[in-house]
PDB file of N, CA and C in Angstrom:
ATOM      1  N   MET A   1    -161.665  28.081-101.743  1.00  0.00           N
ATOM      2  CA  MET A   1    -162.060  27.095-102.724  1.00  0.00           C
ATOM      3  C   MET A   1    -163.020  26.108-102.072  1.00  0.00           C
ATOM      4  N   GLN A   2    -164.098  25.797-102.761  1.00  0.00           N
ATOM      5  CA  GLN A   2    -165.099  24.857-102.262  1.00  0.00           C
ATOM      6  C   GLN A   2    -164.821  23.450-102.786  1.00  0.00           C
ATOM      7  N   PHE A   3    -165.019  22.455-101.935  1.00  0.00           N
ATOM      8  CA  PHE A   3    -164.831  21.066-102.324  1.00  0.00           C
ATOM      9  C   PHE A   3    -166.095  20.288-101.996  1.00  0.00           C
ATOM     10  N   PRO A   4    -166.421  19.271-102.795  1.00  0.00           N
ATOM     11  CA  PRO A   4    -167.599  18.441-102.506  1.00  0.00           C
ATOM     12  C   PRO A   4    -167.506  17.799-101.123  1.00  0.00           C
ATOM     13  N   ASP A   5    -168.659  17.481-100.565  1.00  0.00           N
ATOM     14  CA  ASP A   5    -168.735  16.907 -99.228  1.00  0.00           C
ATOM     15  C   ASP A   5    -168.638  15.377 -99.311  1.00  0.00           C
ATOM     16  N   ASP A   6    -167.445  14.905 -99.617  1.00  0.00           N
ATOM     17  CA  ASP A   6    -167.179  13.470 -99.610  1.00  0.00           C
ATOM     18  C   ASP A   6    -165.723  13.270 -99.190  1.00  0.00           C
ATOM     19  N   GLU A   7    -165.273  12.030 -99.146  1.00  0.00           N
ATOM     20  CA  GLU A   7    -163.920  11.753 -98.650  1.00  0.00           C
ATOM     21  C   GLU A   7    -162.851  12.454 -99.482  1.00  0.00           C
ATOM     22  N   ASN A   8    -162.939  12.356-100.807  1.00  0.00           N
ATOM     23  CA  ASN A   8    -161.939  13.018-101.649  1.00  0.00           C
ATOM     24  C   ASN A   8    -162.006  14.533-101.502  1.00  0.00           C
ATOM     25  N   GLY A   9    -163.205  15.078-101.405  1.00  0.00           N
ATOM     26  CA  GLY A   9    -163.349  16.519-101.222  1.00  0.00           C
ATOM     27  C   GLY A   9    -162.741  16.983 -99.913  1.00  0.00           C
ATOM     28  N   GLN A  10    -162.961  16.230 -98.861  1.00  0.00           N
ATOM     29  CA  GLN A  10    -162.397  16.574 -97.552  1.00  0.00           C
ATOM     30  C   GLN A  10    -160.871  16.529 -97.602  1.00  0.00           C
ATOM     31  N   LEU A  11    -160.321  15.495 -98.228  1.00  0.00           N
ATOM     32  CA  LEU A  11    -158.869  15.368 -98.312  1.00  0.00           C
ATOM     33  C   LEU A  11    -158.262  16.468 -99.175  1.00  0.00           C
ATOM     34  N   LEU A  12    -158.926  16.808-100.267  1.00  0.00           N
ATOM     35  CA  LEU A  12    -158.447  17.915-101.099  1.00  0.00           C
ATOM     36  C   LEU A  12    -158.470  19.228-100.321  1.00  0.00           C
ATOM     37  N   ALA A  13    -159.510  19.440 -99.534  1.00  0.00           N
ATOM     38  CA  ALA A  13    -159.601  20.655 -98.718  1.00  0.00           C
ATOM     39  C   ALA A  13    -158.446  20.719 -97.717  1.00  0.00           C
ATOM     40  N   GLU A  14    -158.118  19.586 -97.102  1.00  0.00           N
ATOM     41  CA  GLU A  14    -157.008  19.552 -96.146  1.00  0.00           C
ATOM     42  C   GLU A  14    -155.678  19.837 -96.833  1.00  0.00           C
ATOM     43  N   ILE A  15    -155.494  19.279 -98.026  1.00  0.00           N
ATOM     44  CA  ILE A  15    -154.257  19.509 -98.777  1.00  0.00           C
ATOM     45  C   ILE A  15    -154.150  20.974 -99.184  1.00  0.00           C
ATOM     46  N   ALA A  16    -155.257  21.548 -99.649  1.00  0.00           N
ATOM     47  CA  ALA A  16    -155.270  22.968-100.027  1.00  0.00           C
ATOM     48  C   ALA A  16    -154.982  23.840 -98.803  1.00  0.00           C
ATOM     49  N   ALA A  17    -155.553  23.481 -97.654  1.00  0.00           N
ATOM     50  CA  ALA A  17    -155.330  24.252 -96.429  1.00  0.00           C
ATOM     51  C   ALA A  17    -153.871  24.192 -95.987  1.00  0.00           C
ATOM     52  N   ALA A  18    -153.166  23.126 -96.396  1.00  0.00           N
ATOM     53  CA  ALA A  18    -151.745  22.991 -96.061  1.00  0.00           C
ATOM     54  C   ALA A  18    -150.867  23.824 -96.995  1.00  0.00           C
ATOM     55  N   GLY A  19    -151.502  24.524 -97.944  1.00  0.00           N
ATOM     56  CA  GLY A  19    -150.752  25.418 -98.821  1.00  0.00           C
ATOM     57  C   GLY A  19    -150.360  24.834-100.166  1.00  0.00           C
ATOM     58  N   ILE A  20    -150.868  23.654-100.500  1.00  0.00           N
ATOM     59  CA  ILE A  20    -150.561  23.031-101.791  1.00  0.00           C
ATOM     60  C   ILE A  20    -151.476  23.636-102.858  1.00  0.00           C
ATOM     61  N   ASP A  21    -150.887  24.080-103.968  1.00  0.00           N
ATOM     62  CA  ASP A  21    -151.645  24.674-105.075  1.00  0.00           C
ATOM     63  C   ASP A  21    -152.243  23.558-105.922  1.00  0.00           C
ATOM     64  N   LEU A  22    -153.539  23.336-105.771  1.00  0.00           N
ATOM     65  CA  LEU A  22    -154.214  22.257-106.486  1.00  0.00           C
ATOM     66  C   LEU A  22    -154.584  22.612-107.921  1.00  0.00           C
ATOM     67  N   SER A  23    -154.227  23.802-108.366  1.00  0.00           N
ATOM     68  CA  SER A  23    -154.503  24.175-109.757  1.00  0.00           C
ATOM     69  C   SER A  23    -153.329  23.797-110.664  1.00  0.00           C
ATOM     70  N   LYS A  24    -152.259  23.290-110.073  1.00  0.00           N
ATOM     71  CA  LYS A  24    -151.069  22.900-110.839  1.00  0.00           C
ATOM     72  C   LYS A  24    -150.977  21.382-110.962  1.00  0.00           C
ATOM     73  N   MET A  25    -150.134  20.938-111.886  1.00  0.00           N
ATOM     74  CA  MET A  25    -149.889  19.506-112.069  1.00  0.00           C
ATOM     75  C   MET A  25    -149.145  18.957-110.847  1.00  0.00           C
ATOM     76  N   HIS A  26    -149.537  17.762-110.436  1.00  0.00           N
ATOM     77  CA  HIS A  26    -148.890  17.063-109.327  1.00  0.00           C
ATOM     78  C   HIS A  26    -148.757  15.599-109.688  1.00  0.00           C
ATOM     79  N   GLN A  27    -147.835  14.936-109.034  1.00  0.00           N
ATOM     80  CA  GLN A  27    -147.779  13.482-109.134  1.00  0.00           C
ATOM     81  C   GLN A  27    -148.741  12.940-108.088  1.00  0.00           C
ATOM     82  N   VAL A  28    -149.777  12.269-108.550  1.00  0.00           N
ATOM     83  CA  VAL A  28    -150.754  11.656-107.654  1.00  0.00           C
ATOM     84  C   VAL A  28    -150.461  10.163-107.625  1.00  0.00           C
ATOM     85  N   ASP A  29    -150.284   9.634-106.429  1.00  0.00           N
ATOM     86  CA  ASP A  29    -150.043   8.206-106.245  1.00  0.00           C
ATOM     87  C   ASP A  29    -151.352   7.545-105.838  1.00  0.00           C
ATOM     88  N   PHE A  30    -151.735   6.518-106.580  1.00  0.00           N
ATOM     89  CA  PHE A  30    -152.910   5.715-106.247  1.00  0.00           C
ATOM     90  C   PHE A  30    -152.394   4.384-105.730  1.00  0.00           C
ATOM     91  N   TYR A  31    -152.889   3.974-104.561  1.00  0.00           N
ATOM     92  CA  TYR A  31    -152.414   2.772-103.889  1.00  0.00           C
ATOM     93  C   TYR A  31    -153.391   1.627-104.136  1.00  0.00           C
ATOM     94  N   ILE A  32    -152.867   0.530-104.689  1.00  0.00           N
ATOM     95  CA  ILE A  32    -153.676  -0.641-105.008  1.00  0.00           C
ATOM     96  C   ILE A  32    -153.084  -1.834-104.276  1.00  0.00           C
ATOM     97  N   LEU A  33    -153.931  -2.591-103.578  1.00  0.00           N
ATOM     98  CA  LEU A  33    -153.480  -3.715-102.753  1.00  0.00           C
ATOM     99  C   LEU A  33    -153.868  -5.061-103.369  1.00  0.00           C
ATOM    100  N   PHE A  34    -152.997  -6.040-103.144  1.00  0.00           N
ATOM    101  CA  PHE A  34    -153.190  -7.396-103.656  1.00  0.00           C
ATOM    102  C   PHE A  34    -152.753  -8.401-102.602  1.00  0.00           C
ATOM    103  N   GLU A  35    -153.451  -9.520-102.538  1.00  0.00           N
ATOM    104  CA  GLU A  35    -153.061 -10.598-101.632  1.00  0.00           C
ATOM    105  C   GLU A  35    -151.909 -11.404-102.225  1.00  0.00           C
ATOM    106  N   GLN A  36    -151.891 -11.553-103.547  1.00  0.00           N
ATOM    107  CA  GLN A  36    -150.902 -12.388-104.220  1.00  0.00           C
ATOM    108  C   GLN A  36    -149.901 -11.550-104.999  1.00  0.00           C
ATOM    109  N   GLN A  37    -148.628 -11.874-104.859  1.00  0.00           N
ATOM    110  CA  GLN A  37    -147.580 -11.160-105.585  1.00  0.00           C
ATOM    111  C   GLN A  37    -147.782 -11.270-107.093  1.00  0.00           C
ATOM    112  N   SER A  38    -148.169 -12.441-107.575  1.00  0.00           N
ATOM    113  CA  SER A  38    -148.333 -12.629-109.016  1.00  0.00           C
ATOM    114  C   SER A  38    -149.422 -11.713-109.577  1.00  0.00           C
ATOM    115  N   ASP A  39    -150.510 -11.537-108.827  1.00  0.00           N
ATOM    116  CA  ASP A  39    -151.575 -10.620-109.262  1.00  0.00           C
ATOM    117  C   ASP A  39    -151.060  -9.184-109.304  1.00  0.00           C
ATOM    118  N   ALA A  40    -150.302  -8.803-108.287  1.00  0.00           N
ATOM    119  CA  ALA A  40    -149.751  -7.448-108.233  1.00  0.00           C
ATOM    120  C   ALA A  40    -148.804  -7.202-109.401  1.00  0.00           C
ATOM    121  N   GLU A  41    -147.967  -8.178-109.709  1.00  0.00           N
ATOM    122  CA  GLU A  41    -147.031  -8.039-110.826  1.00  0.00           C
ATOM    123  C   GLU A  41    -147.755  -7.915-112.159  1.00  0.00           C
ATOM    124  N   LYS A  42    -148.799  -8.729-112.352  1.00  0.00           N
ATOM    125  CA  LYS A  42    -149.582  -8.660-113.598  1.00  0.00           C
ATOM    126  C   LYS A  42    -150.264  -7.306-113.730  1.00  0.00           C
ATOM    127  N   PHE A  43    -150.843  -6.829-112.627  1.00  0.00           N
ATOM    128  CA  PHE A  43    -151.492  -5.516-112.656  1.00  0.00           C
ATOM    129  C   PHE A  43    -150.488  -4.424-112.983  1.00  0.00           C
ATOM    130  N   ALA A  44    -149.322  -4.441-112.325  1.00  0.00           N
ATOM    131  CA  ALA A  44    -148.312  -3.408-112.549  1.00  0.00           C
ATOM    132  C   ALA A  44    -147.903  -3.362-114.016  1.00  0.00           C
ATOM    133  N   LYS A  45    -147.727  -4.515-114.612  1.00  0.00           N
ATOM    134  CA  LYS A  45    -147.349  -4.582-116.025  1.00  0.00           C
ATOM    135  C   LYS A  45    -148.469  -4.031-116.912  1.00  0.00           C
ATOM    136  N   GLU A  46    -149.690  -4.405-116.597  1.00  0.00           N
ATOM    137  CA  GLU A  46    -150.850  -3.957-117.390  1.00  0.00           C
ATOM    138  C   GLU A  46    -151.080  -2.456-117.256  1.00  0.00           C
ATOM    139  N   VAL A  47    -150.999  -1.940-116.043  1.00  0.00           N
ATOM    140  CA  VAL A  47    -151.370  -0.547-115.804  1.00  0.00           C
ATOM    141  C   VAL A  47    -150.351   0.421-116.404  1.00  0.00           C
ATOM    142  N   VAL A  48    -149.078   0.066-116.449  1.00  0.00           N
ATOM    143  CA  VAL A  48    -148.100   0.981-117.043  1.00  0.00           C
ATOM    144  C   VAL A  48    -148.188   0.980-118.566  1.00  0.00           C
ATOM    145  N   ALA A  49    -148.855  -0.015-119.140  1.00  0.00           N
ATOM    146  CA  ALA A  49    -149.092  -0.018-120.585  1.00  0.00           C
ATOM    147  C   ALA A  49    -150.159   1.007-120.951  1.00  0.00           C
ATOM    148  N   ASP A  50    -150.916   1.458-119.952  1.00  0.00           N
ATOM    149  CA  ASP A  50    -151.957   2.459-120.149  1.00  0.00           C
ATOM    150  C   ASP A  50    -151.324   3.842-120.194  1.00  0.00           C
ATOM    151  N   THR A  51    -151.830   4.718-121.023  1.00  0.00           N
ATOM    152  CA  THR A  51    -151.248   6.052-121.158  1.00  0.00           C
ATOM    153  C   THR A  51    -151.496   6.935-119.933  1.00  0.00           C
ATOM    154  N   LEU A  52    -152.471   6.605-119.095  1.00  0.00           N
ATOM    155  CA  LEU A  52    -152.761   7.425-117.916  1.00  0.00           C
ATOM    156  C   LEU A  52    -151.649   7.318-116.872  1.00  0.00           C
ATOM    157  N   VAL A  53    -151.125   6.121-116.669  1.00  0.00           N
ATOM    158  CA  VAL A  53    -150.175   5.850-115.593  1.00  0.00           C
ATOM    159  C   VAL A  53    -148.745   5.934-116.125  1.00  0.00           C
ATOM    160  N   GLN A  54    -147.926   6.752-115.464  1.00  0.00           N
ATOM    161  CA  GLN A  54    -146.542   6.910-115.888  1.00  0.00           C
ATOM    162  C   GLN A  54    -145.605   5.875-115.269  1.00  0.00           C
ATOM    163  N   HIS A  55    -145.933   5.388-114.073  1.00  0.00           N
ATOM    164  CA  HIS A  55    -145.021   4.503-113.350  1.00  0.00           C
ATOM    165  C   HIS A  55    -145.822   3.696-112.330  1.00  0.00           C
ATOM    166  N   ALA A  56    -145.378   2.474-112.098  1.00  0.00           N
ATOM    167  CA  ALA A  56    -145.978   1.644-111.048  1.00  0.00           C
ATOM    168  C   ALA A  56    -144.860   0.976-110.274  1.00  0.00           C
ATOM    169  N   GLU A  57    -144.960   1.042-108.963  1.00  0.00           N
ATOM    170  CA  GLU A  57    -143.934   0.480-108.084  1.00  0.00           C
ATOM    171  C   GLU A  57    -144.575  -0.567-107.183  1.00  0.00           C
ATOM    172  N   LEU A  58    -143.952  -1.729-107.087  1.00  0.00           N
ATOM    173  CA  LEU A  58    -144.469  -2.839-106.304  1.00  0.00           C
ATOM    174  C   LEU A  58    -143.670  -2.978-105.013  1.00  0.00           C
ATOM    175  N   GLU A  59    -144.382  -3.071-103.883  1.00  0.00           N
ATOM    176  CA  GLU A  59    -143.728  -3.298-102.598  1.00  0.00           C
ATOM    177  C   GLU A  59    -144.594  -4.224-101.762  1.00  0.00           C
ATOM    178  N   LYS A  60    -143.950  -4.911-100.837  1.00  0.00           N
ATOM    179  CA  LYS A  60    -144.677  -5.760 -99.894  1.00  0.00           C
ATOM    180  C   LYS A  60    -144.738  -5.042 -98.555  1.00  0.00           C
ATOM    181  N   CYS A  61    -145.921  -4.946 -97.994  1.00  0.00           N
ATOM    182  CA  CYS A  61    -146.096  -4.318 -96.684  1.00  0.00           C
ATOM    183  C   CYS A  61    -145.529  -5.254 -95.623  1.00  0.00           C
ATOM    184  N   GLN A  62    -144.560  -4.769 -94.872  1.00  0.00           N
ATOM    185  CA  GLN A  62    -143.904  -5.590 -93.854  1.00  0.00           C
ATOM    186  C   GLN A  62    -144.860  -5.978 -92.722  1.00  0.00           C
ATOM    187  N   ASP A  63    -145.833  -5.119 -92.432  1.00  0.00           N
ATOM    188  CA  ASP A  63    -146.754  -5.381 -91.323  1.00  0.00           C
ATOM    189  C   ASP A  63    -147.837  -6.390 -91.680  1.00  0.00           C
ATOM    190  N   THR A  64    -148.392  -6.279 -92.889  1.00  0.00           N
ATOM    191  CA  THR A  64    -149.545  -7.103 -93.251  1.00  0.00           C
ATOM    192  C   THR A  64    -149.224  -8.217 -94.233  1.00  0.00           C
ATOM    193  N   GLY A  65    -148.108  -8.102 -94.957  1.00  0.00           N
ATOM    194  CA  GLY A  65    -147.774  -9.094 -95.968  1.00  0.00           C
ATOM    195  C   GLY A  65    -148.520  -8.894 -97.274  1.00  0.00           C
ATOM    196  N   VAL A  66    -149.325  -7.850 -97.337  1.00  0.00           N
ATOM    197  CA  VAL A  66    -150.091  -7.538 -98.545  1.00  0.00           C
ATOM    198  C   VAL A  66    -149.172  -6.839 -99.535  1.00  0.00           C
ATOM    199  N   TRP A  67    -149.370  -7.095-100.807  1.00  0.00           N
ATOM    200  CA  TRP A  67    -148.586  -6.458-101.870  1.00  0.00           C
ATOM    201  C   TRP A  67    -149.266  -5.167-102.283  1.00  0.00           C
ATOM    202  N   GLU A  68    -148.492  -4.121-102.416  1.00  0.00           N
ATOM    203  CA  GLU A  68    -149.019  -2.806-102.782  1.00  0.00           C
ATOM    204  C   GLU A  68    -148.354  -2.345-104.078  1.00  0.00           C
ATOM    205  N   VAL A  69    -149.194  -1.901-105.005  1.00  0.00           N
ATOM    206  CA  VAL A  69    -148.681  -1.282-106.219  1.00  0.00           C
ATOM    207  C   VAL A  69    -149.037   0.194-106.143  1.00  0.00           C
ATOM    208  N   ILE A  70    -148.014   1.025-106.198  1.00  0.00           N
ATOM    209  CA  ILE A  70    -148.215   2.473-106.184  1.00  0.00           C
ATOM    210  C   ILE A  70    -148.162   2.935-107.631  1.00  0.00           C
ATOM    211  N   THR A  71    -149.297   3.389-108.139  1.00  0.00           N
ATOM    212  CA  THR A  71    -149.373   3.868-109.521  1.00  0.00           C
ATOM    213  C   THR A  71    -149.283   5.380-109.510  1.00  0.00           C
ATOM    214  N   GLN A  72    -148.463   5.929-110.389  1.00  0.00           N
ATOM    215  CA  GLN A  72    -148.233   7.368-110.401  1.00  0.00           C
ATOM    216  C   GLN A  72    -148.817   7.989-111.662  1.00  0.00           C
ATOM    217  N   VAL A  73    -149.607   9.047-111.433  1.00  0.00           N
ATOM    218  CA  VAL A  73    -150.276   9.756-112.517  1.00  0.00           C
ATOM    219  C   VAL A  73    -149.973  11.248-112.376  1.00  0.00           C
ATOM    220  N   GLN A  74    -149.486  11.874-113.438  1.00  0.00           N
ATOM    221  CA  GLN A  74    -149.301  13.332-113.455  1.00  0.00           C
ATOM    222  C   GLN A  74    -150.630  13.949-113.831  1.00  0.00           C
ATOM    223  N   MET A  75    -151.168  14.778-112.950  1.00  0.00           N
ATOM    224  CA  MET A  75    -152.466  15.380-113.217  1.00  0.00           C
ATOM    225  C   MET A  75    -152.704  16.568-112.299  1.00  0.00           C
ATOM    226  N   VAL A  76    -153.661  17.387-112.692  1.00  0.00           N
ATOM    227  CA  VAL A  76    -154.178  18.422-111.800  1.00  0.00           C
ATOM    228  C   VAL A  76    -155.203  17.709-110.930  1.00  0.00           C
ATOM    229  N   PRO A  77    -155.019  17.691-109.605  1.00  0.00           N
ATOM    230  CA  PRO A  77    -155.914  16.918-108.735  1.00  0.00           C
ATOM    231  C   PRO A  77    -157.267  17.594-108.502  1.00  0.00           C
ATOM    232  N   GLU A  78    -157.991  17.770-109.567  1.00  0.00           N
ATOM    233  CA  GLU A  78    -159.353  18.324-109.509  1.00  0.00           C
ATOM    234  C   GLU A  78    -160.276  17.188-109.081  1.00  0.00           C
ATOM    235  N   HIS A  79    -161.261  17.480-108.266  1.00  0.00           N
ATOM    236  CA  HIS A  79    -162.095  16.465-107.630  1.00  0.00           C
ATOM    237  C   HIS A  79    -162.675  15.449-108.615  1.00  0.00           C
ATOM    238  N   THR A  80    -163.318  15.920-109.658  1.00  0.00           N
ATOM    239  CA  THR A  80    -163.958  15.004-110.604  1.00  0.00           C
ATOM    240  C   THR A  80    -162.926  14.147-111.320  1.00  0.00           C
ATOM    241  N   LEU A  81    -161.861  14.758-111.804  1.00  0.00           N
ATOM    242  CA  LEU A  81    -160.823  14.006-112.507  1.00  0.00           C
ATOM    243  C   LEU A  81    -160.142  13.004-111.588  1.00  0.00           C
ATOM    244  N   LEU A  82    -159.917  13.396-110.357  1.00  0.00           N
ATOM    245  CA  LEU A  82    -159.297  12.517-109.377  1.00  0.00           C
ATOM    246  C   LEU A  82    -160.166  11.276-109.156  1.00  0.00           C
ATOM    247  N   GLY A  83    -161.454  11.496-108.980  1.00  0.00           N
ATOM    248  CA  GLY A  83    -162.381  10.379-108.783  1.00  0.00           C
ATOM    249  C   GLY A  83    -162.442   9.468-109.998  1.00  0.00           C
ATOM    250  N   GLN A  84    -162.429  10.060-111.194  1.00  0.00           N
ATOM    251  CA  GLN A  84    -162.457   9.256-112.416  1.00  0.00           C
ATOM    252  C   GLN A  84    -161.188   8.425-112.556  1.00  0.00           C
ATOM    253  N   ALA A  85    -160.035   9.026-112.292  1.00  0.00           N
ATOM    254  CA  ALA A  85    -158.765   8.301-112.380  1.00  0.00           C
ATOM    255  C   ALA A  85    -158.735   7.163-111.360  1.00  0.00           C
ATOM    256  N   GLU A  86    -159.192   7.454-110.153  1.00  0.00           N
ATOM    257  CA  GLU A  86    -159.221   6.442-109.097  1.00  0.00           C
ATOM    258  C   GLU A  86    -160.104   5.259-109.503  1.00  0.00           C
ATOM    259  N   GLN A  87    -161.285   5.541-110.015  1.00  0.00           N
ATOM    260  CA  GLN A  87    -162.201   4.481-110.448  1.00  0.00           C
ATOM    261  C   GLN A  87    -161.628   3.688-111.611  1.00  0.00           C
ATOM    262  N   TYR A  88    -160.996   4.387-112.547  1.00  0.00           N
ATOM    263  CA  TYR A  88    -160.425   3.721-113.721  1.00  0.00           C
ATOM    264  C   TYR A  88    -159.303   2.767-113.317  1.00  0.00           C
ATOM    265  N   ILE A  89    -158.390   3.237-112.481  1.00  0.00           N
ATOM    266  CA  ILE A  89    -157.273   2.387-112.050  1.00  0.00           C
ATOM    267  C   ILE A  89    -157.791   1.200-111.242  1.00  0.00           C
ATOM    268  N   GLU A  90    -158.772   1.447-110.381  1.00  0.00           N
ATOM    269  CA  GLU A  90    -159.354   0.359-109.595  1.00  0.00           C
ATOM    270  C   GLU A  90    -160.070  -0.651-110.483  1.00  0.00           C
ATOM    271  N   SER A  91    -160.676  -0.192-111.582  1.00  0.00           N
ATOM    272  CA  SER A  91    -161.353  -1.128-112.488  1.00  0.00           C
ATOM    273  C   SER A  91    -160.345  -2.068-113.141  1.00  0.00           C
ATOM    274  N   ILE A  92    -159.150  -1.575-113.440  1.00  0.00           N
ATOM    275  CA  ILE A  92    -158.094  -2.439-113.971  1.00  0.00           C
ATOM    276  C   ILE A  92    -157.633  -3.395-112.874  1.00  0.00           C
ATOM    277  N   ALA A  93    -157.447  -2.881-111.666  1.00  0.00           N
ATOM    278  CA  ALA A  93    -157.000  -3.709-110.537  1.00  0.00           C
ATOM    279  C   ALA A  93    -157.976  -4.841-110.236  1.00  0.00           C
ATOM    280  N   ASN A  94    -159.264  -4.569-110.383  1.00  0.00           N
ATOM    281  CA  ASN A  94    -160.276  -5.591-110.103  1.00  0.00           C
ATOM    282  C   ASN A  94    -160.093  -6.826-110.983  1.00  0.00           C
ATOM    283  N   ASN A  95    -159.572  -6.625-112.190  1.00  0.00           N
ATOM    284  CA  ASN A  95    -159.316  -7.758-113.088  1.00  0.00           C
ATOM    285  C   ASN A  95    -158.209  -8.665-112.575  1.00  0.00           C
ATOM    286  N   PHE A  96    -157.423  -8.172-111.625  1.00  0.00           N
ATOM    287  CA  PHE A  96    -156.294  -8.925-111.071  1.00  0.00           C
ATOM    288  C   PHE A  96    -156.454  -9.147-109.564  1.00  0.00           C
ATOM    289  N   ASN A  97    -157.698  -9.111-109.086  1.00  0.00           N
ATOM    290  CA  ASN A  97    -158.014  -9.334-107.673  1.00  0.00           C
ATOM    291  C   ASN A  97    -157.420  -8.276-106.756  1.00  0.00           C
ATOM    292  N   GLY A  98    -157.291  -7.061-107.255  1.00  0.00           N
ATOM    293  CA  GLY A  98    -156.769  -5.963-106.454  1.00  0.00           C
ATOM    294  C   GLY A  98    -157.874  -4.998-106.062  1.00  0.00           C
ATOM    295  N   TYR A  99    -157.571  -4.140-105.101  1.00  0.00           N
ATOM    296  CA  TYR A  99    -158.542  -3.152-104.648  1.00  0.00           C
ATOM    297  C   TYR A  99    -157.814  -1.880-104.230  1.00  0.00           C
ATOM    298  N   GLY A 100    -158.504  -0.769-104.391  1.00  0.00           N
ATOM    299  CA  GLY A 100    -157.925   0.528-104.086  1.00  0.00           C
ATOM    300  C   GLY A 100    -157.784   0.763-102.597  1.00  0.00           C
ATOM    301  N   ASP A 101    -156.738   1.532-102.248  1.00  0.00           N
ATOM    302  CA  ASP A 101    -156.487   1.869-100.846  1.00  0.00           C
ATOM    303  C   ASP A 101    -156.137   3.349-100.713  1.00  0.00           C
ATOM    304  N   GLY A 102    -156.768   4.194-101.540  1.00  0.00           N
ATOM    305  CA  GLY A 102    -156.575   5.627-101.411  1.00  0.00           C
ATOM    306  C   GLY A 102    -155.539   6.186-102.366  1.00  0.00           C
ATOM    307  N   TRP A 103    -155.180   7.432-102.099  1.00  0.00           N
ATOM    308  CA  TRP A 103    -154.255   8.170-102.961  1.00  0.00           C
ATOM    309  C   TRP A 103    -153.504   9.194-102.136  1.00  0.00           C
ATOM    310  N   GLY A 104    -152.488   9.764-102.742  1.00  0.00           N
ATOM    311  CA  GLY A 104    -151.718  10.816-102.081  1.00  0.00           C
ATOM    312  C   GLY A 104    -150.966  11.634-103.106  1.00  0.00           C
ATOM    313  N   LEU A 105    -150.503  12.803-102.694  1.00  0.00           N
ATOM    314  CA  LEU A 105    -149.680  13.666-103.541  1.00  0.00           C
ATOM    315  C   LEU A 105    -148.247  13.592-103.047  1.00  0.00           C
ATOM    316  N   MET A 106    -147.301  13.652-103.968  1.00  0.00           N
ATOM    317  CA  MET A 106    -145.891  13.590-103.589  1.00  0.00           C
ATOM    318  C   MET A 106    -145.504  14.707-102.617  1.00  0.00           C
ATOM    319  N   ASP A 107    -146.107  15.882-102.764  1.00  0.00           N
ATOM    320  CA  ASP A 107    -145.723  17.015-101.917  1.00  0.00           C
ATOM    321  C   ASP A 107    -146.787  17.330-100.862  1.00  0.00           C
ATOM    322  N   ALA A 108    -147.540  16.319-100.479  1.00  0.00           N
ATOM    323  CA  ALA A 108    -148.572  16.507 -99.447  1.00  0.00           C
ATOM    324  C   ALA A 108    -148.727  15.198 -98.670  1.00  0.00           C
ATOM    325  N   GLU A 109    -149.506  15.255 -97.635  1.00  0.00           N
ATOM    326  CA  GLU A 109    -149.783  14.035 -96.867  1.00  0.00           C
ATOM    327  C   GLU A 109    -150.589  13.078 -97.719  1.00  0.00           C
ATOM    328  N   GLU A 110    -150.439  11.784 -97.442  1.00  0.00           N
ATOM    329  CA  GLU A 110    -151.233  10.781 -98.146  1.00  0.00           C
ATOM    330  C   GLU A 110    -152.686  10.928 -97.754  1.00  0.00           C
ATOM    331  N   ALA A 111    -153.545  10.611 -98.724  1.00  0.00           N
ATOM    332  CA  ALA A 111    -154.976  10.730 -98.488  1.00  0.00           C
ATOM    333  C   ALA A 111    -155.622   9.363 -98.425  1.00  0.00           C
TER     334      ALA A 111
END
């Protein structure tokens, strides 16, 4: 399987090489970071109201003190769709002073 020559394409290639079937539905976790807990909480509430995101979990990073919201989306992790979902979730996060910090699959290494 060929993947585009960018960060998401490289990560998808590594996941596929690890034996993960990327043609099937997976839970994809998108990681969004916030400096303020209140911003993270507002984003989490807003993003789960969207039909794309099934669940959002809020945690504080013990090392950095930054708040992380893990948004979960059931999808086939196809390169274009993955990039669109990532951009869409980040666009919502930007309204709450948040920024994207990558993604991962439940049954694969984080990307």
